[in-house]
Amino acid sequence: MSPLIVLVGPMGVGKSTVGQLLAERLGTGYRDTDDDIVAAQGRTIAEIFVEEGEPAFRAIEKQAVREALAGHDGVLALGGGAVLDPDTRALLAGQRVVYLSMDVEEAVKRTGLNAARPLLAINPRKQWRELMEARRHLYEEVATAVVATDGRTPEEVTRAALDALELKEA
């Protein structure tokens, strides 16, 4: 068993919204590893970051992604930093992975780059740019298709992802 589609990309790009629309259009289930982590840990991702630090969160995330890749056959959305782990990137090889991309101005519009994002608490624009410089090539490395989300509605992004993967709606 493996997912029909895996979505990757930065925080706030719309992986959850587009993932749910894709699942609906394809007549399959939707799963988000961030939701899995929150449910299993009984606390928010921000709380895990504050209480245990990023390395502890990344270890939890790595296990959640491994379990979801092995146990879900629908649309799967991964957290923004999941691709940092080389073992996770190896597991994504051979999967249908869509990288949802956006530029910093779009990120500002969508997320407000607010403090609820633990990695963006200080100087959010600069930190978002630095995160993307560190991650963009990793998203591209695992991607089967890249779909720009800037200036597009979730429905337009969903259609573009289906077209890029040559998938038909259910």
C-alpha atoms as a PDB file:
ATOM      1  CA  MET A   1       0.000   0.000   0.000  1.00  0.00           C
ATOM      2  CA  SER A   2       1.214   3.475  -0.819  1.00  0.00           C
ATOM      3  CA  PRO A   3      -0.434   6.871  -1.271  1.00  0.00           C
ATOM      4  CA  LEU A   4      -2.035   7.849  -4.557  1.00  0.00           C
ATOM      5  CA  ILE A   5      -0.510  11.335  -4.206  1.00  0.00           C
ATOM      6  CA  VAL A   6       1.902  12.854  -1.669  1.00  0.00           C
ATOM      7  CA  LEU A   7       1.915  16.631  -1.247  1.00  0.00           C
ATOM      8  CA  VAL A   8       5.029  18.508  -0.126  1.00  0.00           C
ATOM      9  CA  GLY A   9       5.843  22.190   0.168  1.00  0.00           C
ATOM     10  CA  PRO A  10       6.340  25.000   2.645  1.00  0.00           C
ATOM     11  CA  MET A  11       4.044  25.832   5.538  1.00  0.00           C
ATOM     12  CA  GLY A  12       0.980  27.745   4.448  1.00  0.00           C
ATOM     13  CA  VAL A  13       1.131  26.684   0.792  1.00  0.00           C
ATOM     14  CA  GLY A  14      -2.236  24.930   0.995  1.00  0.00           C
ATOM     15  CA  LYS A  15      -1.287  21.254   1.275  1.00  0.00           C
ATOM     16  CA  SER A  16      -4.241  20.526   3.579  1.00  0.00           C
ATOM     17  CA  THR A  17      -6.820  22.404   1.517  1.00  0.00           C
ATOM     18  CA  VAL A  18      -5.610  21.069  -1.829  1.00  0.00           C
ATOM     19  CA  GLY A  19      -5.117  17.594  -0.360  1.00  0.00           C
ATOM     20  CA  GLN A  20      -8.740  17.439   0.766  1.00  0.00           C
ATOM     21  CA  LEU A  21      -9.940  18.659  -2.636  1.00  0.00           C
ATOM     22  CA  LEU A  22      -7.761  16.104  -4.441  1.00  0.00           C
ATOM     23  CA  ALA A  23      -9.071  13.296  -2.234  1.00  0.00           C
ATOM     24  CA  GLU A  24     -12.647  14.394  -2.885  1.00  0.00           C
ATOM     25  CA  ARG A  25     -12.117  14.571  -6.665  1.00  0.00           C
ATOM     26  CA  LEU A  26     -10.341  11.207  -6.759  1.00  0.00           C
ATOM     27  CA  GLY A  27     -12.846   9.478  -4.464  1.00  0.00           C
ATOM     28  CA  THR A  28     -10.201   8.504  -1.917  1.00  0.00           C
ATOM     29  CA  GLY A  29      -9.140   9.304   1.637  1.00  0.00           C
ATOM     30  CA  TYR A  30      -7.054  12.208   2.888  1.00  0.00           C
ATOM     31  CA  ARG A  31      -4.387  12.137   5.591  1.00  0.00           C
ATOM     32  CA  ASP A  32      -2.021  14.769   6.971  1.00  0.00           C
ATOM     33  CA  THR A  33       1.052  13.730   8.952  1.00  0.00           C
ATOM     34  CA  ASP A  34       0.903  16.936  11.025  1.00  0.00           C
ATOM     35  CA  ASP A  35      -2.612  15.900  12.136  1.00  0.00           C
ATOM     36  CA  ASP A  36      -1.297  12.402  12.924  1.00  0.00           C
ATOM     37  CA  ILE A  37       1.444  13.896  15.117  1.00  0.00           C
ATOM     38  CA  VAL A  38      -0.961  16.190  17.002  1.00  0.00           C
ATOM     39  CA  ALA A  39      -3.372  13.291  17.611  1.00  0.00           C
ATOM     40  CA  ALA A  40      -0.623  10.902  18.775  1.00  0.00           C
ATOM     41  CA  GLN A  41       1.170  13.454  20.958  1.00  0.00           C
ATOM     42  CA  GLY A  42      -1.905  15.184  22.382  1.00  0.00           C
ATOM     43  CA  ARG A  43      -0.342  18.606  21.820  1.00  0.00           C
ATOM     44  CA  THR A  44       0.300  21.038  19.021  1.00  0.00           C
ATOM     45  CA  ILE A  45       3.384  21.015  16.852  1.00  0.00           C
ATOM     46  CA  ALA A  46       4.325  24.418  18.283  1.00  0.00           C
ATOM     47  CA  GLU A  47       4.155  22.922  21.797  1.00  0.00           C
ATOM     48  CA  ILE A  48       6.419  20.025  20.772  1.00  0.00           C
ATOM     49  CA  PHE A  49       8.931  22.509  19.338  1.00  0.00           C
ATOM     50  CA  VAL A  50       8.897  24.628  22.510  1.00  0.00           C
ATOM     51  CA  GLU A  51       8.936  21.737  24.990  1.00  0.00           C
ATOM     52  CA  GLU A  52      11.325  19.335  23.242  1.00  0.00           C
ATOM     53  CA  GLY A  53      13.032  21.256  20.433  1.00  0.00           C
ATOM     54  CA  GLU A  54      13.211  20.781  16.693  1.00  0.00           C
ATOM     55  CA  PRO A  55      15.379  17.591  16.699  1.00  0.00           C
ATOM     56  CA  ALA A  56      12.816  15.770  18.875  1.00  0.00           C
ATOM     57  CA  PHE A  57       9.977  16.968  16.647  1.00  0.00           C
ATOM     58  CA  ARG A  58      11.812  15.832  13.493  1.00  0.00           C
ATOM     59  CA  ALA A  59      12.257  12.335  14.973  1.00  0.00           C
ATOM     60  CA  ILE A  60       8.516  12.157  15.734  1.00  0.00           C
ATOM     61  CA  GLU A  61       7.734  13.487  12.251  1.00  0.00           C
ATOM     62  CA  LYS A  62      10.027  10.952  10.547  1.00  0.00           C
ATOM     63  CA  GLN A  63       8.161   8.070  12.207  1.00  0.00           C
ATOM     64  CA  ALA A  64       4.752   9.578  11.399  1.00  0.00           C
ATOM     65  CA  VAL A  65       5.695   9.947   7.724  1.00  0.00           C
ATOM     66  CA  ARG A  66       7.040   6.383   7.549  1.00  0.00           C
ATOM     67  CA  GLU A  67       3.788   5.017   9.021  1.00  0.00           C
ATOM     68  CA  ALA A  68       1.592   7.139   6.745  1.00  0.00           C
ATOM     69  CA  LEU A  69       3.508   6.184   3.596  1.00  0.00           C
ATOM     70  CA  ALA A  70       3.135   2.502   4.481  1.00  0.00           C
ATOM     71  CA  GLY A  71      -0.465   2.660   5.666  1.00  0.00           C
ATOM     72  CA  HIS A  72      -2.395   5.110   3.498  1.00  0.00           C
ATOM     73  CA  ASP A  73      -3.524   4.693  -0.102  1.00  0.00           C
ATOM     74  CA  GLY A  74      -5.189   8.074  -0.652  1.00  0.00           C
ATOM     75  CA  VAL A  75      -3.851  11.630  -0.687  1.00  0.00           C
ATOM     76  CA  LEU A  76      -1.157  12.335   1.903  1.00  0.00           C
ATOM     77  CA  ALA A  77       0.111  15.769   2.953  1.00  0.00           C
ATOM     78  CA  LEU A  78       3.498  16.015   4.675  1.00  0.00           C
ATOM     79  CA  GLY A  79       4.661  18.747   7.022  1.00  0.00           C
ATOM     80  CA  GLY A  80       6.825  21.462   5.494  1.00  0.00           C
ATOM     81  CA  GLY A  81      10.067  20.124   6.970  1.00  0.00           C
ATOM     82  CA  ALA A  82       9.510  16.409   6.400  1.00  0.00           C
ATOM     83  CA  VAL A  83      11.786  16.422   3.335  1.00  0.00           C
ATOM     84  CA  LEU A  84      14.770  17.458   5.473  1.00  0.00           C
ATOM     85  CA  ASP A  85      15.261  13.824   6.467  1.00  0.00           C
ATOM     86  CA  PRO A  86      17.264  11.781   3.916  1.00  0.00           C
ATOM     87  CA  ASP A  87      15.462   8.549   4.864  1.00  0.00           C
ATOM     88  CA  THR A  88      12.109  10.238   4.216  1.00  0.00           C
ATOM     89  CA  ARG A  89      13.331  11.481   0.836  1.00  0.00           C
ATOM     90  CA  ALA A  90      14.408   7.922   0.000  1.00  0.00           C
ATOM     91  CA  LEU A  91      10.930   6.638   0.936  1.00  0.00           C
ATOM     92  CA  LEU A  92       9.392   9.211  -1.433  1.00  0.00           C
ATOM     93  CA  ALA A  93      11.335   7.843  -4.404  1.00  0.00           C
ATOM     94  CA  GLY A  94       8.886   6.173  -6.763  1.00  0.00           C
ATOM     95  CA  GLN A  95       5.862   7.922  -5.220  1.00  0.00           C
ATOM     96  CA  ARG A  96       3.666  10.472  -7.036  1.00  0.00           C
ATOM     97  CA  VAL A  97       4.857  13.593  -5.220  1.00  0.00           C
ATOM     98  CA  VAL A  98       3.493  17.054  -5.952  1.00  0.00           C
ATOM     99  CA  TYR A  99       5.526  20.015  -4.724  1.00  0.00           C
ATOM    100  CA  LEU A 100       3.193  22.951  -4.131  1.00  0.00           C
ATOM    101  CA  SER A 101       5.323  26.076  -4.480  1.00  0.00           C
ATOM    102  CA  MET A 102       4.823  29.758  -3.633  1.00  0.00           C
ATOM    103  CA  ASP A 103       6.932  32.873  -3.319  1.00  0.00           C
ATOM    104  CA  VAL A 104       7.461  34.898  -0.134  1.00  0.00           C
ATOM    105  CA  GLU A 105       4.836  37.532  -1.014  1.00  0.00           C
ATOM    106  CA  GLU A 106       2.211  34.816  -1.391  1.00  0.00           C
ATOM    107  CA  ALA A 107       3.354  33.285   1.922  1.00  0.00           C
ATOM    108  CA  VAL A 108       2.864  36.646   3.634  1.00  0.00           C
ATOM    109  CA  LYS A 109      -0.654  36.941   2.203  1.00  0.00           C
ATOM    110  CA  ARG A 110      -1.650  33.407   3.195  1.00  0.00           C
ATOM    111  CA  THR A 111      -0.081  32.923   6.601  1.00  0.00           C
ATOM    112  CA  GLY A 112       0.591  36.454   7.723  1.00  0.00           C
ATOM    113  CA  LEU A 113       3.862  34.759   8.721  1.00  0.00           C
ATOM    114  CA  ASN A 114       2.550  34.712  12.264  1.00  0.00           C
ATOM    115  CA  ALA A 115       4.036  33.484  15.529  1.00  0.00           C
ATOM    116  CA  ALA A 116       1.927  30.299  15.497  1.00  0.00           C
ATOM    117  CA  ARG A 117       4.611  29.028  13.122  1.00  0.00           C
ATOM    118  CA  PRO A 118       7.471  28.162  15.508  1.00  0.00           C
ATOM    119  CA  LEU A 119      10.196  28.401  12.871  1.00  0.00           C
ATOM    120  CA  LEU A 120       9.082  31.908  11.880  1.00  0.00           C
ATOM    121  CA  ALA A 121       8.782  33.580  15.286  1.00  0.00           C
ATOM    122  CA  ILE A 122      11.499  36.225  14.744  1.00  0.00           C
ATOM    123  CA  ASN A 123      11.827  38.220  11.493  1.00  0.00           C
ATOM    124  CA  PRO A 124       9.338  36.015   9.626  1.00  0.00           C
ATOM    125  CA  ARG A 125      10.066  37.161   6.048  1.00  0.00           C
ATOM    126  CA  LYS A 126      13.803  36.630   6.399  1.00  0.00           C
ATOM    127  CA  GLN A 127      13.296  33.268   8.116  1.00  0.00           C
ATOM    128  CA  TRP A 128      10.799  32.103   5.470  1.00  0.00           C
ATOM    129  CA  ARG A 129      13.273  32.998   2.710  1.00  0.00           C
ATOM    130  CA  GLU A 130      16.081  31.150   4.526  1.00  0.00           C
ATOM    131  CA  LEU A 131      13.863  28.090   5.070  1.00  0.00           C
ATOM    132  CA  MET A 132      12.995  28.044   1.377  1.00  0.00           C
ATOM    133  CA  GLU A 133      16.642  28.427   0.341  1.00  0.00           C
ATOM    134  CA  ALA A 134      17.431  25.387   2.489  1.00  0.00           C
ATOM    135  CA  ARG A 135      14.441  23.327   1.369  1.00  0.00           C
ATOM    136  CA  ARG A 136      13.514  24.250  -2.228  1.00  0.00           C
ATOM    137  CA  HIS A 137      16.027  21.846  -3.772  1.00  0.00           C
ATOM    138  CA  LEU A 138      14.777  19.055  -1.479  1.00  0.00           C
ATOM    139  CA  TYR A 139      11.163  19.623  -2.521  1.00  0.00           C
ATOM    140  CA  GLU A 140      12.285  19.599  -6.157  1.00  0.00           C
ATOM    141  CA  GLU A 141      14.379  16.449  -5.595  1.00  0.00           C
ATOM    142  CA  VAL A 142      11.376  14.396  -4.432  1.00  0.00           C
ATOM    143  CA  ALA A 143       8.801  15.936  -6.773  1.00  0.00           C
ATOM    144  CA  THR A 144       7.158  14.160  -9.681  1.00  0.00           C
ATOM    145  CA  ALA A 145       5.449  17.469 -10.492  1.00  0.00           C
ATOM    146  CA  VAL A 146       5.756  21.072  -9.335  1.00  0.00           C
ATOM    147  CA  VAL A 147       2.579  23.160  -9.146  1.00  0.00           C
ATOM    148  CA  ALA A 148       2.829  26.896  -8.466  1.00  0.00           C
ATOM    149  CA  THR A 149       0.094  28.137  -6.161  1.00  0.00           C
ATOM    150  CA  ASP A 150       0.721  31.891  -6.425  1.00  0.00           C
ATOM    151  CA  GLY A 151      -2.434  33.779  -7.362  1.00  0.00           C
ATOM    152  CA  ARG A 152      -4.433  30.558  -7.831  1.00  0.00           C
ATOM    153  CA  THR A 153      -7.495  29.339  -6.001  1.00  0.00           C
ATOM    154  CA  PRO A 154      -7.349  25.940  -4.268  1.00  0.00           C
ATOM    155  CA  GLU A 155      -9.598  24.589  -7.045  1.00  0.00           C
ATOM    156  CA  GLU A 156      -7.165  25.825  -9.734  1.00  0.00           C
ATOM    157  CA  VAL A 157      -4.220  24.273  -7.901  1.00  0.00           C
ATOM    158  CA  THR A 158      -6.127  20.990  -7.556  1.00  0.00           C
ATOM    159  CA  ARG A 159      -6.885  20.930 -11.303  1.00  0.00           C
ATOM    160  CA  ALA A 160      -3.231  21.732 -12.109  1.00  0.00           C
ATOM    161  CA  ALA A 161      -2.030  18.890  -9.850  1.00  0.00           C
ATOM    162  CA  LEU A 162      -4.430  16.394 -11.458  1.00  0.00           C
ATOM    163  CA  ASP A 163      -3.324  17.536 -14.914  1.00  0.00           C
ATOM    164  CA  ALA A 164       0.377  17.365 -14.015  1.00  0.00           C
ATOM    165  CA  LEU A 165      -0.036  13.771 -12.803  1.00  0.00           C
ATOM    166  CA  GLU A 166      -2.435  12.877 -15.624  1.00  0.00           C
ATOM    167  CA  LEU A 167      -5.028  11.628 -13.136  1.00  0.00           C
ATOM    168  CA  LYS A 168      -8.732  11.526 -13.856  1.00  0.00           C
ATOM    169  CA  GLU A 169     -11.400  12.493 -11.366  1.00  0.00           C
ATOM    170  CA  ALA A 170     -13.527   9.696  -9.890  1.00  0.00           C
END
